[in-house]
Amino acid sequence: MGILKALDEVALQHSSTCASVAIAWLLHRPSVTAPIASATSLQQLDSLIKAVNVKLTPHDISLLDEASKWK
């Protein structure tokens, strides 16, 4: 499964956006000290802010980790 498909799947499960899920996923990664993101619209900013409320399950994290591996 590709990373975009995995992001879509997890976002759908959480009634969220792919951007929110991506930032939430980065926040769960021990190798990431602080995710860097920018927004050019209020809608994009809203997705970034909502990321802190996305509670990813271990299954979600595993799915995203697996989809993002280099092949």
PDB file of N, CA and C in Angstrom:
ATOM      1  N   MET A   1       0.849  -1.176   0.000  1.00  0.00           N
ATOM      2  CA  MET A   1       0.000   0.000   0.000  1.00  0.00           C
ATOM      3  C   MET A   1       0.890   1.233   0.000  1.00  0.00           C
ATOM      4  N   GLY A   2       0.547   2.200  -0.823  1.00  0.00           N
ATOM      5  CA  GLY A   2       1.306   3.434  -0.879  1.00  0.00           C
ATOM      6  C   GLY A   2       0.968   4.355   0.281  1.00  0.00           C
ATOM      7  N   ILE A   3       1.847   5.297   0.536  1.00  0.00           N
ATOM      8  CA  ILE A   3       1.673   6.187   1.682  1.00  0.00           C
ATOM      9  C   ILE A   3       0.421   7.049   1.547  1.00  0.00           C
ATOM     10  N   LEU A   4       0.108   7.508   0.332  1.00  0.00           N
ATOM     11  CA  LEU A   4      -1.086   8.340   0.170  1.00  0.00           C
ATOM     12  C   LEU A   4      -2.361   7.537   0.439  1.00  0.00           C
ATOM     13  N   LYS A   5      -2.376   6.295  -0.004  1.00  0.00           N
ATOM     14  CA  LYS A   5      -3.537   5.434   0.254  1.00  0.00           C
ATOM     15  C   LYS A   5      -3.670   5.170   1.757  1.00  0.00           C
ATOM     16  N   ALA A   6      -2.550   4.933   2.421  1.00  0.00           N
ATOM     17  CA  ALA A   6      -2.569   4.696   3.870  1.00  0.00           C
ATOM     18  C   ALA A   6      -3.046   5.947   4.604  1.00  0.00           C
ATOM     19  N   LEU A   7      -2.573   7.117   4.198  1.00  0.00           N
ATOM     20  CA  LEU A   7      -3.023   8.368   4.810  1.00  0.00           C
ATOM     21  C   LEU A   7      -4.523   8.562   4.609  1.00  0.00           C
ATOM     22  N   ASP A   8      -5.007   8.282   3.397  1.00  0.00           N
ATOM     23  CA  ASP A   8      -6.445   8.386   3.122  1.00  0.00           C
ATOM     24  C   ASP A   8      -7.245   7.467   4.030  1.00  0.00           C
ATOM     25  N   GLU A   9      -6.776   6.227   4.174  1.00  0.00           N
ATOM     26  CA  GLU A   9      -7.477   5.230   4.994  1.00  0.00           C
ATOM     27  C   GLU A   9      -7.544   5.671   6.460  1.00  0.00           C
ATOM     28  N   VAL A  10      -6.423   6.096   6.993  1.00  0.00           N
ATOM     29  CA  VAL A  10      -6.382   6.510   8.400  1.00  0.00           C
ATOM     30  C   VAL A  10      -7.195   7.789   8.600  1.00  0.00           C
ATOM     31  N   ALA A  11      -7.098   8.722   7.678  1.00  0.00           N
ATOM     32  CA  ALA A  11      -7.869   9.968   7.780  1.00  0.00           C
ATOM     33  C   ALA A  11      -9.365   9.679   7.776  1.00  0.00           C
ATOM     34  N   LEU A  12      -9.794   8.766   6.935  1.00  0.00           N
ATOM     35  CA  LEU A  12     -11.203   8.393   6.876  1.00  0.00           C
ATOM     36  C   LEU A  12     -11.662   7.786   8.201  1.00  0.00           C
ATOM     37  N   GLN A  13     -10.845   6.923   8.783  1.00  0.00           N
ATOM     38  CA  GLN A  13     -11.185   6.289  10.058  1.00  0.00           C
ATOM     39  C   GLN A  13     -11.317   7.309  11.184  1.00  0.00           C
ATOM     40  N   HIS A  14     -10.577   8.394  11.100  1.00  0.00           N
ATOM     41  CA  HIS A  14     -10.576   9.400  12.159  1.00  0.00           C
ATOM     42  C   HIS A  14     -11.402  10.642  11.803  1.00  0.00           C
ATOM     43  N   SER A  15     -12.115  10.573  10.677  1.00  0.00           N
ATOM     44  CA  SER A  15     -12.881  11.741  10.190  1.00  0.00           C
ATOM     45  C   SER A  15     -11.994  12.980  10.188  1.00  0.00           C
ATOM     46  N   SER A  16     -10.828  12.823   9.593  1.00  0.00           N
ATOM     47  CA  SER A  16      -9.821  13.870   9.612  1.00  0.00           C
ATOM     48  C   SER A  16      -9.302  14.096   8.202  1.00  0.00           C
ATOM     49  N   THR A  17      -8.298  14.940   8.084  1.00  0.00           N
ATOM     50  CA  THR A  17      -7.653  15.184   6.792  1.00  0.00           C
ATOM     51  C   THR A  17      -6.309  14.460   6.750  1.00  0.00           C
ATOM     52  N   CYS A  18      -5.819  14.254   5.553  1.00  0.00           N
ATOM     53  CA  CYS A  18      -4.505  13.620   5.395  1.00  0.00           C
ATOM     54  C   CYS A  18      -3.420  14.475   6.049  1.00  0.00           C
ATOM     55  N   ALA A  19      -3.556  15.794   5.944  1.00  0.00           N
ATOM     56  CA  ALA A  19      -2.555  16.687   6.549  1.00  0.00           C
ATOM     57  C   ALA A  19      -2.519  16.516   8.061  1.00  0.00           C
ATOM     58  N   SER A  20      -3.685  16.444   8.693  1.00  0.00           N
ATOM     59  CA  SER A  20      -3.740  16.270  10.148  1.00  0.00           C
ATOM     60  C   SER A  20      -3.138  14.933  10.557  1.00  0.00           C
ATOM     61  N   VAL A  21      -3.457  13.892   9.803  1.00  0.00           N
ATOM     62  CA  VAL A  21      -2.926  12.565  10.110  1.00  0.00           C
ATOM     63  C   VAL A  21      -1.412  12.545   9.927  1.00  0.00           C
ATOM     64  N   ALA A  22      -0.923  13.159   8.868  1.00  0.00           N
ATOM     65  CA  ALA A  22       0.524  13.171   8.617  1.00  0.00           C
ATOM     66  C   ALA A  22       1.273  13.852   9.758  1.00  0.00           C
ATOM     67  N   ILE A  23       0.768  14.990  10.218  1.00  0.00           N
ATOM     68  CA  ILE A  23       1.429  15.693  11.325  1.00  0.00           C
ATOM     69  C   ILE A  23       1.298  14.879  12.611  1.00  0.00           C
ATOM     70  N   ALA A  24       0.132  14.289  12.864  1.00  0.00           N
ATOM     71  CA  ALA A  24      -0.051  13.450  14.061  1.00  0.00           C
ATOM     72  C   ALA A  24       0.917  12.276  14.039  1.00  0.00           C
ATOM     73  N   TRP A  25       1.102  11.684  12.871  1.00  0.00           N
ATOM     74  CA  TRP A  25       2.019  10.549  12.727  1.00  0.00           C
ATOM     75  C   TRP A  25       3.452  10.990  13.019  1.00  0.00           C
ATOM     76  N   LEU A  26       3.845  12.144  12.491  1.00  0.00           N
ATOM     77  CA  LEU A  26       5.192  12.649  12.769  1.00  0.00           C
ATOM     78  C   LEU A  26       5.391  12.920  14.257  1.00  0.00           C
ATOM     79  N   LEU A  27       4.348  13.403  14.923  1.00  0.00           N
ATOM     80  CA  LEU A  27       4.446  13.660  16.362  1.00  0.00           C
ATOM     81  C   LEU A  27       4.671  12.376  17.160  1.00  0.00           C
ATOM     82  N   HIS A  28       4.266  11.226  16.615  1.00  0.00           N
ATOM     83  CA  HIS A  28       4.448   9.939  17.291  1.00  0.00           C
ATOM     84  C   HIS A  28       5.809   9.307  17.012  1.00  0.00           C
ATOM     85  N   ARG A  29       6.555   9.849  16.077  1.00  0.00           N
ATOM     86  CA  ARG A  29       7.834   9.253  15.695  1.00  0.00           C
ATOM     87  C   ARG A  29       8.942   9.768  16.613  1.00  0.00           C
ATOM     88  N   PRO A  30       9.626   8.869  17.302  1.00  0.00           N
ATOM     89  CA  PRO A  30      10.678   9.303  18.229  1.00  0.00           C
ATOM     90  C   PRO A  30      11.852   9.988  17.525  1.00  0.00           C
ATOM     91  N   SER A  31      12.043   9.724  16.244  1.00  0.00           N
ATOM     92  CA  SER A  31      13.155  10.330  15.516  1.00  0.00           C
ATOM     93  C   SER A  31      12.864  11.764  15.075  1.00  0.00           C
ATOM     94  N   VAL A  32      11.623  12.216  15.241  1.00  0.00           N
ATOM     95  CA  VAL A  32      11.239  13.569  14.839  1.00  0.00           C
ATOM     96  C   VAL A  32      11.104  14.432  16.091  1.00  0.00           C
ATOM     97  N   THR A  33      11.955  15.424  16.207  1.00  0.00           N
ATOM     98  CA  THR A  33      11.914  16.313  17.363  1.00  0.00           C
ATOM     99  C   THR A  33      10.745  17.275  17.262  1.00  0.00           C
ATOM    100  N   ALA A  34      10.586  17.882  16.109  1.00  0.00           N
ATOM    101  CA  ALA A  34       9.488  18.826  15.889  1.00  0.00           C
ATOM    102  C   ALA A  34       9.163  18.857  14.405  1.00  0.00           C
ATOM    103  N   PRO A  35       7.968  18.430  14.035  1.00  0.00           N
ATOM    104  CA  PRO A  35       7.605  18.501  12.616  1.00  0.00           C
ATOM    105  C   PRO A  35       7.510  19.958  12.166  1.00  0.00           C
ATOM    106  N   ILE A  36       8.014  20.232  10.995  1.00  0.00           N
ATOM    107  CA  ILE A  36       7.967  21.585  10.455  1.00  0.00           C
ATOM    108  C   ILE A  36       6.915  21.604   9.350  1.00  0.00           C
ATOM    109  N   ALA A  37       5.964  22.492   9.480  1.00  0.00           N
ATOM    110  CA  ALA A  37       4.894  22.602   8.488  1.00  0.00           C
ATOM    111  C   ALA A  37       4.564  24.069   8.291  1.00  0.00           C
ATOM    112  N   SER A  38       4.019  24.368   7.140  1.00  0.00           N
ATOM    113  CA  SER A  38       3.588  25.736   6.886  1.00  0.00           C
ATOM    114  C   SER A  38       2.216  25.696   6.235  1.00  0.00           C
ATOM    115  N   ALA A  39       1.521  26.803   6.329  1.00  0.00           N
ATOM    116  CA  ALA A  39       0.192  26.918   5.752  1.00  0.00           C
ATOM    117  C   ALA A  39       0.102  28.209   4.958  1.00  0.00           C
ATOM    118  N   THR A  40      -0.600  28.132   3.843  1.00  0.00           N
ATOM    119  CA  THR A  40      -0.804  29.329   3.030  1.00  0.00           C
ATOM    120  C   THR A  40      -2.265  29.761   3.022  1.00  0.00           C
ATOM    121  N   SER A  41      -3.094  29.058   3.807  1.00  0.00           N
ATOM    122  CA  SER A  41      -4.505  29.433   3.918  1.00  0.00           C
ATOM    123  C   SER A  41      -5.003  29.068   5.310  1.00  0.00           C
ATOM    124  N   LEU A  42      -6.125  29.631   5.688  1.00  0.00           N
ATOM    125  CA  LEU A  42      -6.709  29.307   6.991  1.00  0.00           C
ATOM    126  C   LEU A  42      -7.148  27.845   7.046  1.00  0.00           C
ATOM    127  N   GLN A  43      -7.600  27.301   5.930  1.00  0.00           N
ATOM    128  CA  GLN A  43      -8.000  25.889   5.880  1.00  0.00           C
ATOM    129  C   GLN A  43      -6.795  24.982   6.155  1.00  0.00           C
ATOM    130  N   GLN A  44      -5.655  25.285   5.565  1.00  0.00           N
ATOM    131  CA  GLN A  44      -4.448  24.501   5.826  1.00  0.00           C
ATOM    132  C   GLN A  44      -4.014  24.644   7.274  1.00  0.00           C
ATOM    133  N   LEU A  45      -4.086  25.835   7.814  1.00  0.00           N
ATOM    134  CA  LEU A  45      -3.720  26.065   9.207  1.00  0.00           C
ATOM    135  C   LEU A  45      -4.622  25.263  10.134  1.00  0.00           C
ATOM    136  N   ASP A  46      -5.903  25.211   9.823  1.00  0.00           N
ATOM    137  CA  ASP A  46      -6.856  24.451  10.618  1.00  0.00           C
ATOM    138  C   ASP A  46      -6.479  22.967  10.660  1.00  0.00           C
ATOM    139  N   SER A  47      -6.084  22.402   9.528  1.00  0.00           N
ATOM    140  CA  SER A  47      -5.668  20.994   9.477  1.00  0.00           C
ATOM    141  C   SER A  47      -4.438  20.751  10.340  1.00  0.00           C
ATOM    142  N   LEU A  48      -3.506  21.700  10.321  1.00  0.00           N
ATOM    143  CA  LEU A  48      -2.292  21.544  11.123  1.00  0.00           C
ATOM    144  C   LEU A  48      -2.612  21.604  12.614  1.00  0.00           C
ATOM    145  N   ILE A  49      -3.478  22.520  12.993  1.00  0.00           N
ATOM    146  CA  ILE A  49      -3.845  22.659  14.406  1.00  0.00           C
ATOM    147  C   ILE A  49      -4.593  21.426  14.897  1.00  0.00           C
ATOM    148  N   LYS A  50      -5.475  20.891  14.066  1.00  0.00           N
ATOM    149  CA  LYS A  50      -6.275  19.726  14.457  1.00  0.00           C
ATOM    150  C   LYS A  50      -5.430  18.457  14.612  1.00  0.00           C
ATOM    151  N   ALA A  51      -4.234  18.457  14.101  1.00  0.00           N
ATOM    152  CA  ALA A  51      -3.371  17.275  14.178  1.00  0.00           C
ATOM    153  C   ALA A  51      -3.100  16.849  15.618  1.00  0.00           C
ATOM    154  N   VAL A  52      -3.036  17.812  16.530  1.00  0.00           N
ATOM    155  CA  VAL A  52      -2.738  17.461  17.925  1.00  0.00           C
ATOM    156  C   VAL A  52      -3.887  16.693  18.578  1.00  0.00           C
ATOM    157  N   ASN A  53      -5.069  16.732  17.985  1.00  0.00           N
ATOM    158  CA  ASN A  53      -6.216  16.013  18.532  1.00  0.00           C
ATOM    159  C   ASN A  53      -6.454  14.657  17.876  1.00  0.00           C
ATOM    160  N   VAL A  54      -5.675  14.328  16.853  1.00  0.00           N
ATOM    161  CA  VAL A  54      -5.816  13.026  16.188  1.00  0.00           C
ATOM    162  C   VAL A  54      -5.094  11.987  17.037  1.00  0.00           C
ATOM    163  N   LYS A  55      -5.826  11.028  17.540  1.00  0.00           N
ATOM    164  CA  LYS A  55      -5.263   9.967  18.386  1.00  0.00           C
ATOM    165  C   LYS A  55      -5.071   8.706  17.551  1.00  0.00           C
ATOM    166  N   LEU A  56      -3.872   8.551  17.027  1.00  0.00           N
ATOM    167  CA  LEU A  56      -3.570   7.397  16.192  1.00  0.00           C
ATOM    168  C   LEU A  56      -3.451   6.133  17.045  1.00  0.00           C
ATOM    169  N   THR A  57      -3.987   5.046  16.524  1.00  0.00           N
ATOM    170  CA  THR A  57      -3.872   3.758  17.204  1.00  0.00           C
ATOM    171  C   THR A  57      -2.542   3.125  16.818  1.00  0.00           C
ATOM    172  N   PRO A  58      -2.102   2.121  17.569  1.00  0.00           N
ATOM    173  CA  PRO A  58      -0.887   1.406  17.154  1.00  0.00           C
ATOM    174  C   PRO A  58      -1.022   0.826  15.742  1.00  0.00           C
ATOM    175  N   HIS A  59      -2.232   0.396  15.385  1.00  0.00           N
ATOM    176  CA  HIS A  59      -2.455  -0.137  14.034  1.00  0.00           C
ATOM    177  C   HIS A  59      -2.260   0.969  12.998  1.00  0.00           C
ATOM    178  N   ASP A  60      -2.786   2.164  13.257  1.00  0.00           N
ATOM    179  CA  ASP A  60      -2.613   3.293  12.337  1.00  0.00           C
ATOM    180  C   ASP A  60      -1.133   3.592  12.126  1.00  0.00           C
ATOM    181  N   ILE A  61      -0.402   3.664  13.205  1.00  0.00           N
ATOM    182  CA  ILE A  61       1.028   3.983  13.134  1.00  0.00           C
ATOM    183  C   ILE A  61       1.779   2.907  12.367  1.00  0.00           C
ATOM    184  N   SER A  62       1.458   1.665  12.637  1.00  0.00           N
ATOM    185  CA  SER A  62       2.093   0.553  11.930  1.00  0.00           C
ATOM    186  C   SER A  62       1.789   0.612  10.435  1.00  0.00           C
ATOM    187  N   LEU A  63       0.542   0.889  10.089  1.00  0.00           N
ATOM    188  CA  LEU A  63       0.141   0.985   8.690  1.00  0.00           C
ATOM    189  C   LEU A  63       0.914   2.089   7.977  1.00  0.00           C
ATOM    190  N   LEU A  64       1.013   3.243   8.611  1.00  0.00           N
ATOM    191  CA  LEU A  64       1.734   4.369   8.013  1.00  0.00           C
ATOM    192  C   LEU A  64       3.238   4.103   7.942  1.00  0.00           C
ATOM    193  N   ASP A  65       3.791   3.488   8.986  1.00  0.00           N
ATOM    194  CA  ASP A  65       5.219   3.143   8.976  1.00  0.00           C
ATOM    195  C   ASP A  65       5.528   2.170   7.839  1.00  0.00           C
ATOM    196  N   GLU A  66       4.700   1.155   7.695  1.00  0.00           N
ATOM    197  CA  GLU A  66       4.923   0.145   6.661  1.00  0.00           C
ATOM    198  C   GLU A  66       4.787   0.751   5.257  1.00  0.00           C
ATOM    199  N   ALA A  67       3.789   1.599   5.076  1.00  0.00           N
ATOM    200  CA  ALA A  67       3.558   2.216   3.764  1.00  0.00           C
ATOM    201  C   ALA A  67       4.676   3.174   3.377  1.00  0.00           C
ATOM    202  N   SER A  68       5.378   3.724   4.352  1.00  0.00           N
ATOM    203  CA  SER A  68       6.412   4.716   4.060  1.00  0.00           C
ATOM    204  C   SER A  68       7.806   4.128   3.917  1.00  0.00           C
ATOM    205  N   LYS A  69       7.943   2.829   4.119  1.00  0.00           N
ATOM    206  CA  LYS A  69       9.270   2.203   4.005  1.00  0.00           C
ATOM    207  C   LYS A  69       9.773   2.274   2.567  1.00  0.00           C
ATOM    208  N   TRP A  70      11.089   2.477   2.440  1.00  0.00           N
ATOM    209  CA  TRP A  70      11.724   2.416   1.118  1.00  0.00           C
ATOM    210  C   TRP A  70      11.726   0.989   0.651  1.00  0.00           C
ATOM    211  N   LYS A  71      11.432   0.776  -0.569  1.00  0.00           N
ATOM    212  CA  LYS A  71      11.369  -0.589  -1.110  1.00  0.00           C
ATOM    213  C   LYS A  71      12.511  -0.853  -2.044  1.00  0.00           C
TER     214      LYS A  71
END
